N, C-alpha and C. Protein backbone atom coordinates (compact mmCIF):
# COMPACT_ATOMS: atom_id res chain seq x y z
N MET A 1 184.69 -37.99 26.25
CA MET A 1 185.43 -39.06 25.60
C MET A 1 186.76 -39.22 26.32
N ASN A 2 187.07 -40.45 26.67
CA ASN A 2 188.32 -40.66 27.40
C ASN A 2 189.50 -40.68 26.43
N ALA A 3 190.69 -40.62 26.99
CA ALA A 3 191.92 -40.53 26.18
C ALA A 3 192.15 -41.79 25.35
N MET A 4 191.77 -42.96 25.88
CA MET A 4 191.99 -44.21 25.16
C MET A 4 191.13 -44.26 23.89
N ALA A 5 189.88 -43.86 24.00
CA ALA A 5 188.98 -43.88 22.83
C ALA A 5 189.42 -42.84 21.81
N GLN A 6 189.89 -41.70 22.29
CA GLN A 6 190.34 -40.66 21.38
C GLN A 6 191.61 -41.08 20.65
N GLU A 7 192.50 -41.77 21.33
CA GLU A 7 193.76 -42.20 20.73
C GLU A 7 193.54 -43.31 19.72
N GLN A 8 192.56 -44.19 19.98
CA GLN A 8 192.32 -45.33 19.11
C GLN A 8 191.75 -44.91 17.76
N GLY A 9 190.90 -43.92 17.70
CA GLY A 9 190.33 -43.46 16.44
C GLY A 9 189.16 -44.32 16.01
N HIS A 10 188.87 -44.24 14.72
CA HIS A 10 187.75 -44.98 14.15
C HIS A 10 188.24 -46.32 13.63
N VAL A 11 187.60 -47.36 14.07
CA VAL A 11 187.97 -48.70 13.65
C VAL A 11 186.96 -49.18 12.61
N VAL A 12 187.45 -49.55 11.45
CA VAL A 12 186.60 -50.07 10.39
C VAL A 12 186.81 -51.58 10.34
N GLU A 13 185.73 -52.30 10.25
CA GLU A 13 185.80 -53.76 10.21
C GLU A 13 186.60 -54.23 9.00
N PRO A 14 187.45 -55.24 9.18
CA PRO A 14 188.21 -55.77 8.04
C PRO A 14 187.32 -56.27 6.91
N SER A 15 186.15 -56.82 7.24
CA SER A 15 185.25 -57.29 6.19
C SER A 15 184.76 -56.13 5.32
N THR A 16 184.52 -54.98 5.93
CA THR A 16 184.11 -53.79 5.18
C THR A 16 185.23 -53.34 4.26
N LEU A 17 186.44 -53.32 4.77
CA LEU A 17 187.58 -52.92 3.94
C LEU A 17 187.80 -53.88 2.78
N LEU A 18 187.59 -55.16 3.02
CA LEU A 18 187.73 -56.15 1.94
C LEU A 18 186.65 -55.97 0.88
N LYS A 19 185.44 -55.65 1.31
CA LYS A 19 184.36 -55.40 0.35
C LYS A 19 184.66 -54.17 -0.50
N VAL A 20 185.15 -53.12 0.14
CA VAL A 20 185.49 -51.90 -0.61
C VAL A 20 186.64 -52.17 -1.56
N TRP A 21 187.63 -52.92 -1.10
CA TRP A 21 188.76 -53.27 -1.96
C TRP A 21 188.27 -54.08 -3.17
N ALA A 22 187.37 -55.04 -2.93
CA ALA A 22 186.83 -55.85 -4.03
C ALA A 22 186.06 -54.98 -5.01
N ALA A 23 185.30 -54.02 -4.50
CA ALA A 23 184.58 -53.11 -5.39
C ALA A 23 185.55 -52.28 -6.23
N LEU A 24 186.65 -51.83 -5.62
CA LEU A 24 187.66 -51.07 -6.37
C LEU A 24 188.31 -51.92 -7.45
N VAL A 25 188.56 -53.19 -7.15
CA VAL A 25 189.14 -54.09 -8.15
C VAL A 25 188.17 -54.31 -9.30
N VAL A 26 186.90 -54.52 -8.98
CA VAL A 26 185.89 -54.72 -10.03
C VAL A 26 185.76 -53.47 -10.90
N LEU A 27 185.72 -52.31 -10.27
CA LEU A 27 185.62 -51.06 -11.04
C LEU A 27 186.84 -50.85 -11.92
N THR A 28 188.02 -51.21 -11.42
CA THR A 28 189.22 -51.11 -12.24
C THR A 28 189.15 -52.07 -13.42
N GLY A 29 188.64 -53.28 -13.19
CA GLY A 29 188.45 -54.23 -14.29
C GLY A 29 187.49 -53.69 -15.34
N LEU A 30 186.42 -53.02 -14.89
CA LEU A 30 185.48 -52.42 -15.84
C LEU A 30 186.14 -51.32 -16.66
N LEU A 31 187.01 -50.54 -16.03
CA LEU A 31 187.74 -49.50 -16.77
C LEU A 31 188.65 -50.11 -17.82
N VAL A 32 189.35 -51.17 -17.46
CA VAL A 32 190.24 -51.83 -18.41
C VAL A 32 189.43 -52.43 -19.56
N ALA A 33 188.31 -53.07 -19.24
CA ALA A 33 187.46 -53.66 -20.28
C ALA A 33 186.92 -52.58 -21.21
N ALA A 34 186.52 -51.44 -20.65
CA ALA A 34 186.01 -50.35 -21.48
C ALA A 34 187.09 -49.80 -22.40
N SER A 35 188.31 -49.76 -21.93
CA SER A 35 189.39 -49.24 -22.77
C SER A 35 189.72 -50.19 -23.92
N LEU A 36 189.42 -51.46 -23.75
CA LEU A 36 189.66 -52.43 -24.82
C LEU A 36 188.56 -52.39 -25.88
N VAL A 37 187.38 -51.89 -25.53
CA VAL A 37 186.26 -51.85 -26.46
C VAL A 37 186.40 -50.68 -27.43
N SER A 38 186.48 -49.47 -26.90
CA SER A 38 186.63 -48.29 -27.76
C SER A 38 187.15 -47.11 -26.94
N PRO A 39 187.84 -46.20 -27.60
CA PRO A 39 188.34 -45.02 -26.87
C PRO A 39 187.21 -44.16 -26.30
N ALA A 40 186.12 -44.03 -27.03
CA ALA A 40 185.01 -43.20 -26.54
C ALA A 40 184.39 -43.81 -25.29
N LEU A 41 184.23 -45.12 -25.30
CA LEU A 41 183.69 -45.79 -24.12
C LEU A 41 184.67 -45.70 -22.95
N ALA A 42 185.96 -45.74 -23.26
CA ALA A 42 186.97 -45.62 -22.20
C ALA A 42 186.88 -44.27 -21.51
N VAL A 43 186.71 -43.21 -22.29
CA VAL A 43 186.60 -41.86 -21.71
C VAL A 43 185.34 -41.74 -20.88
N ALA A 44 184.23 -42.24 -21.41
CA ALA A 44 182.97 -42.18 -20.66
C ALA A 44 183.07 -42.98 -19.36
N ALA A 45 183.68 -44.16 -19.44
CA ALA A 45 183.84 -44.98 -18.24
C ALA A 45 184.74 -44.29 -17.23
N MET A 46 185.81 -43.68 -17.73
CA MET A 46 186.73 -42.98 -16.81
C MET A 46 186.04 -41.83 -16.10
N LEU A 47 185.22 -41.08 -16.84
CA LEU A 47 184.55 -39.93 -16.25
C LEU A 47 183.45 -40.32 -15.26
N THR A 48 182.95 -41.55 -15.36
CA THR A 48 181.91 -41.96 -14.42
C THR A 48 182.44 -42.87 -13.31
N LEU A 49 183.31 -43.81 -13.65
CA LEU A 49 183.76 -44.77 -12.65
C LEU A 49 184.88 -44.24 -11.76
N THR A 50 185.73 -43.40 -12.29
CA THR A 50 186.84 -42.89 -11.49
C THR A 50 186.37 -42.04 -10.30
N PRO A 51 185.40 -41.14 -10.49
CA PRO A 51 184.89 -40.43 -9.29
C PRO A 51 184.25 -41.37 -8.27
N LEU A 52 183.61 -42.42 -8.75
CA LEU A 52 183.03 -43.40 -7.84
C LEU A 52 184.12 -44.09 -7.02
N LYS A 53 185.20 -44.46 -7.70
CA LYS A 53 186.33 -45.08 -6.99
C LYS A 53 186.94 -44.11 -5.99
N ALA A 54 187.10 -42.86 -6.40
CA ALA A 54 187.66 -41.85 -5.50
C ALA A 54 186.75 -41.65 -4.29
N GLY A 55 185.45 -41.67 -4.51
CA GLY A 55 184.51 -41.53 -3.41
C GLY A 55 184.62 -42.67 -2.41
N LEU A 56 184.79 -43.89 -2.91
CA LEU A 56 184.97 -45.03 -2.01
C LEU A 56 186.24 -44.88 -1.18
N VAL A 57 187.31 -44.44 -1.83
CA VAL A 57 188.58 -44.25 -1.11
C VAL A 57 188.44 -43.15 -0.06
N PHE A 58 187.84 -42.03 -0.44
CA PHE A 58 187.63 -40.93 0.52
C PHE A 58 186.78 -41.40 1.69
N TYR A 59 185.68 -42.06 1.38
CA TYR A 59 184.68 -42.39 2.40
C TYR A 59 185.18 -43.43 3.39
N TYR A 60 185.83 -44.48 2.88
CA TYR A 60 186.23 -45.58 3.76
C TYR A 60 187.70 -45.52 4.20
N PHE A 61 188.61 -45.38 3.24
CA PHE A 61 190.03 -45.47 3.60
C PHE A 61 190.56 -44.18 4.22
N MET A 62 189.99 -43.04 3.85
CA MET A 62 190.42 -41.78 4.44
C MET A 62 189.48 -41.35 5.57
N HIS A 63 188.54 -42.22 5.93
CA HIS A 63 187.64 -42.04 7.07
C HIS A 63 186.79 -40.78 7.00
N LEU A 64 186.43 -40.36 5.79
CA LEU A 64 185.55 -39.20 5.66
C LEU A 64 184.15 -39.53 6.19
N LYS A 65 183.85 -40.80 6.27
CA LYS A 65 182.58 -41.27 6.81
C LYS A 65 182.39 -40.80 8.26
N HIS A 66 183.47 -40.67 8.99
CA HIS A 66 183.40 -40.32 10.41
C HIS A 66 183.63 -38.84 10.67
N GLU A 67 183.79 -38.05 9.65
CA GLU A 67 184.05 -36.62 9.84
C GLU A 67 182.74 -35.84 9.92
N GLY A 68 182.86 -34.61 10.34
CA GLY A 68 181.70 -33.75 10.47
C GLY A 68 181.25 -33.18 9.14
N PRO A 69 180.10 -32.53 9.14
CA PRO A 69 179.55 -31.99 7.90
C PRO A 69 180.39 -30.87 7.29
N LEU A 70 181.12 -30.12 8.11
CA LEU A 70 181.93 -29.04 7.56
C LEU A 70 183.05 -29.58 6.68
N LEU A 71 183.78 -30.56 7.15
CA LEU A 71 184.86 -31.13 6.35
C LEU A 71 184.31 -31.84 5.12
N ARG A 72 183.21 -32.56 5.29
CA ARG A 72 182.59 -33.20 4.13
C ARG A 72 182.19 -32.17 3.09
N GLY A 73 181.63 -31.07 3.52
CA GLY A 73 181.22 -30.00 2.60
C GLY A 73 182.40 -29.38 1.89
N MET A 74 183.51 -29.21 2.61
CA MET A 74 184.70 -28.63 1.98
C MET A 74 185.27 -29.57 0.93
N VAL A 75 185.30 -30.87 1.21
CA VAL A 75 185.79 -31.85 0.23
C VAL A 75 184.86 -31.87 -0.97
N LEU A 76 183.55 -31.85 -0.72
CA LEU A 76 182.59 -31.83 -1.82
C LEU A 76 182.74 -30.57 -2.67
N ALA A 77 182.96 -29.43 -2.04
CA ALA A 77 183.14 -28.18 -2.78
C ALA A 77 184.41 -28.24 -3.64
N ALA A 78 185.49 -28.76 -3.08
CA ALA A 78 186.74 -28.87 -3.85
C ALA A 78 186.57 -29.80 -5.04
N LEU A 79 185.91 -30.92 -4.84
CA LEU A 79 185.68 -31.86 -5.94
C LEU A 79 184.74 -31.28 -6.99
N THR A 80 183.75 -30.50 -6.55
CA THR A 80 182.84 -29.85 -7.50
C THR A 80 183.59 -28.85 -8.37
N VAL A 81 184.45 -28.06 -7.76
CA VAL A 81 185.26 -27.11 -8.54
C VAL A 81 186.15 -27.85 -9.53
N LEU A 82 186.74 -28.96 -9.11
CA LEU A 82 187.57 -29.75 -10.00
C LEU A 82 186.77 -30.26 -11.19
N VAL A 83 185.57 -30.78 -10.93
CA VAL A 83 184.72 -31.28 -12.02
C VAL A 83 184.33 -30.15 -12.97
N VAL A 84 184.02 -28.99 -12.44
CA VAL A 84 183.66 -27.85 -13.29
C VAL A 84 184.84 -27.46 -14.18
N PHE A 85 186.03 -27.40 -13.62
CA PHE A 85 187.20 -27.02 -14.43
C PHE A 85 187.51 -28.07 -15.49
N ILE A 86 187.37 -29.33 -15.15
CA ILE A 86 187.60 -30.38 -16.15
C ILE A 86 186.53 -30.29 -17.23
N GLY A 87 185.29 -30.04 -16.85
CA GLY A 87 184.22 -29.86 -17.84
C GLY A 87 184.48 -28.67 -18.74
N MET A 88 184.99 -27.58 -18.18
CA MET A 88 185.33 -26.41 -18.99
C MET A 88 186.46 -26.72 -19.96
N MET A 89 187.40 -27.54 -19.54
CA MET A 89 188.49 -27.93 -20.42
C MET A 89 187.95 -28.75 -21.60
N PHE A 90 187.03 -29.68 -21.32
CA PHE A 90 186.45 -30.47 -22.40
C PHE A 90 185.64 -29.60 -23.35
N LEU A 91 184.92 -28.61 -22.82
CA LEU A 91 184.19 -27.70 -23.69
C LEU A 91 185.13 -26.90 -24.58
N ASP A 92 186.26 -26.47 -24.00
CA ASP A 92 187.24 -25.73 -24.79
C ASP A 92 187.81 -26.60 -25.91
N LEU A 93 188.10 -27.85 -25.60
CA LEU A 93 188.64 -28.75 -26.61
C LEU A 93 187.60 -29.11 -27.67
N ALA A 94 186.33 -29.18 -27.27
CA ALA A 94 185.28 -29.57 -28.21
C ALA A 94 185.01 -28.50 -29.26
N PHE A 95 185.21 -27.23 -28.91
CA PHE A 95 184.87 -26.15 -29.83
C PHE A 95 186.08 -25.48 -30.47
N ARG A 96 187.16 -26.18 -30.57
CA ARG A 96 188.34 -25.62 -31.26
C ARG A 96 188.25 -25.87 -32.72
């Protein structure tokens, strides 16, 4: 790989970034709509849509799409531990 290609990095098409941005806006609108319906639906929507939004940001805007399997695995492991701890917190709150 020559120095120019290495310096330039990964180029993502503007149309792809606009599509991802539009998806993030739509998902945010769904979260707002769910919060207006009921608190229980808002929590369920947050627990399902927010990781999806985070995944889009990681994959496209933070260029995880172009990284190797080791870094992807480490990010997945960290997010899995986070989800487990949040789940444990909800279990603790549910049985008080």
